[in-house]
Each structure stands twice: as structure tokens, then as C-alpha cells.
């Protein structure tokens, strides 16, 4: 299975909840960056990975996802999960979350559990706030912790260049450094996105990632990456999630390739074509 990552187009932190999480609104959009998972029959839950320091027990989201399904619904079942990690870690791209969702989807079929999408979503949320998004493909407007999803009937008509600047940012740290807003204002990104696709000036005007100020203050070099993406012709450039990855949306392939060429010698850099999921 290919487990595709995502970017956030806008990330508006609304308020802190009583359970310690934050209410947000954002747009999740898939990108052509992925891990690969193979599954083999086994009498127990086992994991292998190409990353030697990656935990292969309950600390790994794939193992945890399998164990939850095993304990609740399939006590006699086992599986061997072989993870080939290609997406950057700690990058704000949801690579681990996508892997966990892939395990839930595959084992639901392989073990004939017949769990509904709602049931799988509840389990996914216990693994992480953005895991439910990866149970389906597409562009989605997310609220709550990120689990209240409305999939939008549109595809982004952009070449997306993602730059991973060789550092990881802790989401926990970013939220701890975030200063709560005095006014809670929803931006309505679900309504704004179709408008911005027709008028790209609205991206810079209306979409903002609330983590940028915090992350750029600590990692000042990331600002220059964002600036170069704009210099190379991006209609919009932003941090994804809490970082560290940044991306640019480009209306034509030539500009996207120029941006890719500007970074590839120093950083992991990826291009997503508009129709990559077709």
C-alpha cells in the first residue's frame, strides 16, 4: 500500500479545549509523498522497517493500530507489517498518521472485520488527531481536533513543491509555545478555497498558518525557504502543519521545476502533479 502524506492549506487555531487539545480549522490536501507498507500473514503482530531507529512496538502507530483491532475484534489474528519509510519524519506532513490509517483499512478487509467508516474513524482518532483524514482520499475541510471532516468536491489544479529542511518540529512543542487568541474567528476555509482557486490572490490574503510565527522565530532559516518559493512563482507558500516542511502552489510545471531545482541540492524536495491520484 502507498500511504500518501498531506499538506495543510491554512491552519487556524481557534481555542483550547477542556481535554487539552485545540480546536482548529484547516484544509487537508494529499501530496505525492508516501511510505509503503507490505502485509504478510503471521500468528502474531510483528513489524519490520527500513529505518533502524524506528520503534517496532506499541510506540509505533502501525503496531498500535494492529494491536487495537486484534484486541477488540480479532483476538485470534496476527499480521506482519513491513514499513518502508520514505516520507520525512517530524515534517508536518502526517506520514505516520497515514501509515496508521493504512493498517486500519487493510486489516479491516484482511481480517473481515466489517467495521464501518464511522467505527474506523473512532479508532483512528484514538491514534492521532489527523489519522481519520487518511481513511479516505481527497481534499477535506477539517474542524475540531482535525477529525470533523467535510470532503470537498474539487482537486487542486496546482503543482505542489514540498521542501523538507532537514529538521523536525514537535507539534507538542509548537502548541505549548502558541499564545491563545483573544478573539475566536473562523475563516471558513471550505468556502474560501474554491474562491481562491479562481482568484489566487485570495490565498495570501485569506489563508494563514498560525504556527508560522512560532516556528519561524525558532528556525529563522525557514523564512528564506518560503521567500524563495514565492520568488520562483508560487501563488501561495506556507508551512505545513507545525512544520518543518514548507510548500508552494504553482500554476505551471516550469515554475515548479525551477523551485525544485533551487532546493534539491540541499534539502529533500518533492513535486506533486495536479492529477497524481488519477
Protein backbone atom coordinates (compact mmCIF):
# COMPACT_ATOMS: atom_id res chain seq x y z
CA UNK A 1 0.00 0.00 0.00
CA UNK A 2 1.12 3.54 -0.73
CA UNK A 3 0.42 5.78 2.28
CA UNK A 4 0.24 9.34 0.94
CA UNK A 5 1.15 12.37 3.05
CA UNK A 6 -0.73 15.67 3.22
CA UNK A 7 -0.23 19.41 3.45
CA UNK A 8 -2.29 21.95 5.37
CA UNK A 9 -3.67 24.88 3.41
CA UNK A 10 -4.31 27.34 6.21
CA UNK A 11 -4.25 26.31 9.85
CA UNK A 12 -6.41 28.45 12.09
CA UNK A 13 -6.10 27.58 15.81
CA UNK A 14 -9.39 28.56 17.39
CA UNK A 15 -9.23 27.74 21.11
CA UNK A 16 -8.02 25.26 23.68
CA UNK A 17 -10.45 22.56 24.73
CA UNK A 18 -11.11 21.16 28.18
CA UNK A 19 -9.46 17.87 27.14
CA UNK A 20 -6.19 19.68 26.46
CA UNK A 21 -6.44 19.58 22.68
CA UNK A 22 -7.10 22.60 20.45
CA UNK A 23 -9.98 23.27 18.09
CA UNK A 24 -8.68 24.14 14.66
CA UNK A 25 -9.81 24.62 11.11
CA UNK A 26 -7.68 23.68 8.14
CA UNK A 27 -7.69 22.20 4.67
CA UNK A 28 -6.01 18.81 4.25
CA UNK A 29 -4.77 18.05 0.74
CA UNK A 30 -2.88 14.93 -0.39
CA UNK A 31 0.61 15.12 -1.88
CA UNK A 32 2.67 12.61 -3.85
CA UNK A 33 4.94 11.74 -0.94
CA UNK A 34 4.36 8.32 0.52
CA UNK A 35 5.52 5.45 2.67
CA UNK A 36 4.96 1.87 1.53
CA UNK A 37 3.56 -0.92 3.67
CA UNK A 38 3.53 -4.62 2.87
CA UNK A 39 1.47 -7.12 4.85
CA UNK A 40 2.27 -10.78 5.44
CA UNK A 41 0.30 -13.41 7.34
CA UNK A 42 1.61 -14.12 10.82
CA UNK A 43 0.47 -15.76 14.05
CA UNK A 44 1.31 -12.59 16.00
CA UNK A 45 1.72 -8.87 15.42
CA UNK A 46 5.20 -8.14 14.08
CA UNK A 47 6.87 -5.17 12.41
CA UNK A 48 9.88 -4.53 10.23
CA UNK A 49 11.15 -1.19 8.91
CA UNK A 50 13.92 0.21 6.75
CA UNK A 51 14.61 2.79 9.50
CA UNK A 52 16.76 1.08 12.13
CA UNK A 53 15.93 3.50 14.96
CA UNK A 54 12.16 3.44 14.42
CA UNK A 55 10.29 1.72 17.30
CA UNK A 56 8.59 -1.51 16.23
CA UNK A 57 6.30 -1.98 19.24
CA UNK A 58 3.37 -0.10 20.85
CA UNK A 59 5.26 3.16 20.32
CA UNK A 60 4.79 2.73 16.57
CA UNK A 61 1.40 3.85 15.25
CA UNK A 62 1.20 0.92 12.80
CA UNK A 63 1.80 -1.65 15.52
CA UNK A 64 -0.63 0.16 17.82
CA UNK A 65 -3.36 0.22 15.14
CA UNK A 66 -2.99 -3.51 14.55
CA UNK A 67 -2.98 -4.26 18.27
CA UNK A 68 -6.20 -2.31 18.88
CA UNK A 69 -8.03 -4.24 16.13
CA UNK A 70 -6.51 -7.51 17.34
CA UNK A 71 -7.58 -7.00 20.97
CA UNK A 72 -11.06 -5.62 20.29
CA UNK A 73 -12.21 -7.53 17.23
CA UNK A 74 -9.79 -10.29 16.15
CA UNK A 75 -8.02 -11.92 19.11
CA UNK A 76 -7.00 -14.93 17.05
CA UNK A 77 -5.41 -12.92 14.25
CA UNK A 78 -1.86 -11.76 13.59
CA UNK A 79 -0.03 -9.78 10.94
CA UNK A 80 3.48 -8.85 9.87
CA UNK A 81 3.76 -5.19 8.87
CA UNK A 82 6.74 -4.25 6.70
CA UNK A 83 7.12 -0.46 6.62
CA UNK A 84 9.33 1.25 4.06
CA UNK A 85 9.59 4.81 5.33
CA UNK A 86 10.07 7.39 2.58
CA UNK A 87 8.23 10.45 3.86
CA UNK A 88 10.14 12.77 6.22
CA UNK A 89 9.55 12.39 9.96
CA UNK A 90 8.51 15.38 12.08
CA UNK A 91 7.76 17.29 8.91
CA UNK A 92 4.12 18.34 9.35
CA UNK A 93 3.08 16.02 6.52
CA UNK A 94 1.22 13.37 8.53
CA UNK A 95 3.33 10.47 7.27
CA UNK A 96 2.94 8.39 10.42
CA UNK A 97 -0.77 9.12 10.60
CA UNK A 98 -1.21 7.96 7.02
CA UNK A 99 0.63 4.73 7.87
CA UNK A 100 -1.64 4.07 10.86
CA UNK A 101 -4.77 4.66 8.77
CA UNK A 102 -3.48 2.27 6.10
CA UNK A 103 -3.11 -0.50 8.68
CA UNK A 104 -6.68 0.06 9.89
CA UNK A 105 -8.07 -0.08 6.35
CA UNK A 106 -6.10 -3.14 5.32
CA UNK A 107 -6.79 -5.21 8.43
CA UNK A 108 -10.48 -4.33 8.34
CA UNK A 109 -10.59 -6.09 4.96
CA UNK A 110 -7.98 -8.78 5.54
CA UNK A 111 -9.49 -9.85 8.85
CA UNK A 112 -13.07 -9.46 7.54
CA UNK A 113 -14.00 -7.21 10.47
CA UNK A 114 -16.67 -5.30 8.50
CA UNK A 115 -16.17 -2.17 10.59
CA UNK A 116 -17.97 0.90 9.25
CA UNK A 117 -16.18 4.09 8.29
CA UNK A 118 -17.53 5.70 11.47
CA UNK A 119 -16.17 2.87 13.62
CA UNK A 120 -12.78 3.01 11.91
CA UNK A 121 -12.74 6.80 12.34
CA UNK A 122 -13.25 6.47 16.09
CA UNK A 123 -10.31 4.08 16.33
CA UNK A 124 -8.26 6.33 14.06
CA UNK A 125 -8.89 9.33 16.30
CA UNK A 126 -7.55 7.40 19.28
CA UNK A 127 -4.28 7.08 17.35
CA UNK A 128 -3.97 10.77 16.42
CA UNK A 129 -5.97 13.85 15.54
CA UNK A 130 -5.35 13.72 11.78
CA UNK A 131 -5.47 9.92 11.34
CA UNK A 132 -9.20 9.89 10.41
CA UNK A 133 -8.46 12.07 7.38
CA UNK A 134 -6.24 9.40 5.85
CA UNK A 135 -9.02 6.80 5.79
CA UNK A 136 -10.21 8.41 2.53
CA UNK A 137 -8.56 10.19 -0.38
CA UNK A 138 -9.23 13.77 -1.35
CA UNK A 139 -9.22 17.37 -0.21
CA UNK A 140 -11.04 17.90 3.08
CA UNK A 141 -12.04 20.76 5.34
CA UNK A 142 -11.26 19.80 8.94
CA UNK A 143 -12.50 21.19 12.24
CA UNK A 144 -12.47 20.08 15.88
CA UNK A 145 -9.14 18.40 16.57
CA UNK A 146 -8.98 17.77 12.83
CA UNK A 147 -11.37 14.84 12.89
CA UNK A 148 -14.57 16.65 11.84
CA UNK A 149 -14.14 16.28 8.10
CA UNK A 150 -16.01 17.59 5.08
CA UNK A 151 -14.53 16.28 1.84
CA UNK A 152 -14.64 18.89 -0.89
CA UNK A 153 -15.66 18.04 -4.44
CA UNK A 154 -12.58 19.59 -6.00
CA UNK A 155 -8.99 18.84 -6.90
CA UNK A 156 -6.16 21.32 -6.54
CA UNK A 157 -5.07 22.44 -10.02
CA UNK A 158 -1.51 23.08 -8.83
CA UNK A 159 1.94 21.62 -8.95
CA UNK A 160 2.93 21.40 -5.30
CA UNK A 161 6.59 21.67 -4.31
CA UNK A 162 7.32 20.44 -0.78
CA UNK A 163 10.65 21.22 0.88
CA UNK A 164 11.82 19.34 3.97
CA UNK A 165 14.60 21.41 5.58
CA UNK A 166 16.34 18.53 7.36
CA UNK A 167 14.91 19.22 10.79
CA UNK A 168 11.96 18.02 12.84
CA UNK A 169 9.48 20.19 14.73
CA UNK A 170 7.50 18.80 17.65
CA UNK A 171 3.78 19.53 17.35
CA UNK A 172 3.55 19.29 21.15
CA UNK A 173 6.23 21.98 21.49
CA UNK A 174 4.53 24.21 18.92
CA UNK A 175 1.20 24.08 20.75
CA UNK A 176 2.91 24.76 24.07
CA UNK A 177 4.51 27.90 22.61
CA UNK A 178 1.30 29.07 20.97
CA UNK A 179 -0.35 32.04 22.67
CA UNK A 180 -4.14 31.78 22.77
CA UNK A 181 -6.14 34.29 20.73
CA UNK A 182 -8.45 36.73 22.44
CA UNK A 183 -10.95 36.51 19.59
CA UNK A 184 -12.09 33.22 18.07
CA UNK A 185 -12.77 33.79 14.38
CA UNK A 186 -13.49 31.00 11.93
CA UNK A 187 -12.18 31.72 8.46
CA UNK A 188 -14.47 29.35 6.59
CA UNK A 189 -11.68 27.80 4.56
CA UNK A 190 -14.12 25.38 2.92
CA UNK A 191 -15.89 28.32 1.25
CA UNK A 192 -12.69 30.27 0.60
CA UNK A 193 -10.75 27.53 -1.18
CA UNK A 194 -12.93 27.36 -4.34
CA UNK A 195 -12.86 31.17 -4.47
CA UNK A 196 -9.06 31.22 -4.13
CA UNK A 197 -8.65 28.68 -6.93
CA UNK A 198 -10.48 31.15 -9.18
CA UNK A 199 -8.63 34.15 -7.74
CA UNK A 200 -5.20 33.13 -6.45
CA UNK A 201 -4.61 36.48 -4.73
CA UNK A 202 -7.02 35.26 -2.04
CA UNK A 203 -4.55 32.58 -0.92
CA UNK A 204 -2.09 35.11 0.54
CA UNK A 205 -4.90 37.34 1.72
CA UNK A 206 -7.09 34.76 3.48
CA UNK A 207 -5.05 31.66 4.34
CA UNK A 208 -2.64 31.68 7.27
CA UNK A 209 -0.85 29.05 9.34
CA UNK A 210 -0.88 30.09 13.00
CA UNK A 211 2.26 28.06 13.69
CA UNK A 212 4.46 30.06 11.33
CA UNK A 213 5.25 32.89 13.75
CA UNK A 214 6.32 30.42 16.45
CA UNK A 215 8.33 28.11 14.20
CA UNK A 216 9.99 30.87 12.16
CA UNK A 217 11.08 32.59 15.36
CA UNK A 218 13.00 29.49 16.45
CA UNK A 219 14.11 28.35 12.98
CA UNK A 220 14.78 31.60 11.16
CA UNK A 221 16.14 29.88 8.06
CA UNK A 222 12.69 28.56 7.18
CA UNK A 223 11.53 32.06 6.25
CA UNK A 224 14.06 32.15 3.41
CA UNK A 225 12.64 28.89 2.01
CA UNK A 226 9.18 30.42 1.95
CA UNK A 227 10.54 33.55 0.27
CA UNK A 228 12.34 31.55 -2.42
CA UNK A 229 9.16 29.61 -3.19
CA UNK A 230 7.45 32.94 -3.84
CA UNK A 231 10.42 34.19 -5.87
CA UNK A 232 10.14 31.11 -8.10
CA UNK A 233 6.48 31.86 -8.84
CA UNK A 234 4.36 30.20 -6.15
CA UNK A 235 0.86 31.65 -5.88
CA UNK A 236 0.93 30.59 -2.24
CA UNK A 237 3.63 29.30 0.11
CA UNK A 238 3.25 28.12 3.67
CA UNK A 239 4.42 25.93 6.49
CA UNK A 240 2.56 22.61 6.57
CA UNK A 241 1.08 21.73 9.95
CA UNK A 242 3.53 22.66 12.69
CA UNK A 243 6.39 22.14 10.24
CA UNK A 244 9.10 21.76 9.44
CA UNK A 245 8.13 21.27 5.79
CA UNK A 246 7.15 24.19 3.61
CA UNK A 247 5.34 24.03 0.29
CA UNK A 248 4.47 26.20 -2.65
CA UNK A 249 1.49 26.02 -5.01
CA UNK A 250 2.44 26.61 -8.65
CA UNK A 251 0.14 27.08 -11.61
CA UNK A 252 2.62 25.67 -14.15
CA UNK A 253 5.14 22.87 -14.22
CA UNK A 254 8.08 25.03 -15.37
CA UNK A 255 7.93 27.28 -12.29
CA UNK A 256 7.55 24.25 -10.03
CA UNK A 257 10.64 22.65 -11.55
CA UNK A 258 12.60 25.87 -11.05
CA UNK A 259 11.64 25.85 -7.39
CA UNK A 260 12.52 22.15 -7.10
CA UNK A 261 15.93 22.81 -8.64
CA UNK A 262 16.57 25.64 -6.18
CA UNK A 263 16.32 23.29 -3.19
CA UNK A 264 17.10 19.72 -4.22
CA UNK A 265 20.86 20.00 -3.69
CA UNK A 266 20.36 20.96 -0.01
CA UNK A 267 17.03 19.51 1.10
CA UNK A 268 14.63 16.67 0.44
CA UNK A 269 12.31 18.19 -2.14
CA UNK A 270 9.23 16.73 -3.82
CA UNK A 271 6.90 17.71 -6.68
CA UNK A 272 3.24 16.68 -6.79
CA UNK A 273 1.46 16.85 -10.14
CA UNK A 274 -2.18 18.00 -10.12
CA UNK A 275 -3.56 14.66 -11.29
CA UNK A 276 -1.28 12.27 -9.41
CA UNK A 277 -4.13 10.32 -7.81
CA UNK A 278 -5.93 9.62 -11.10
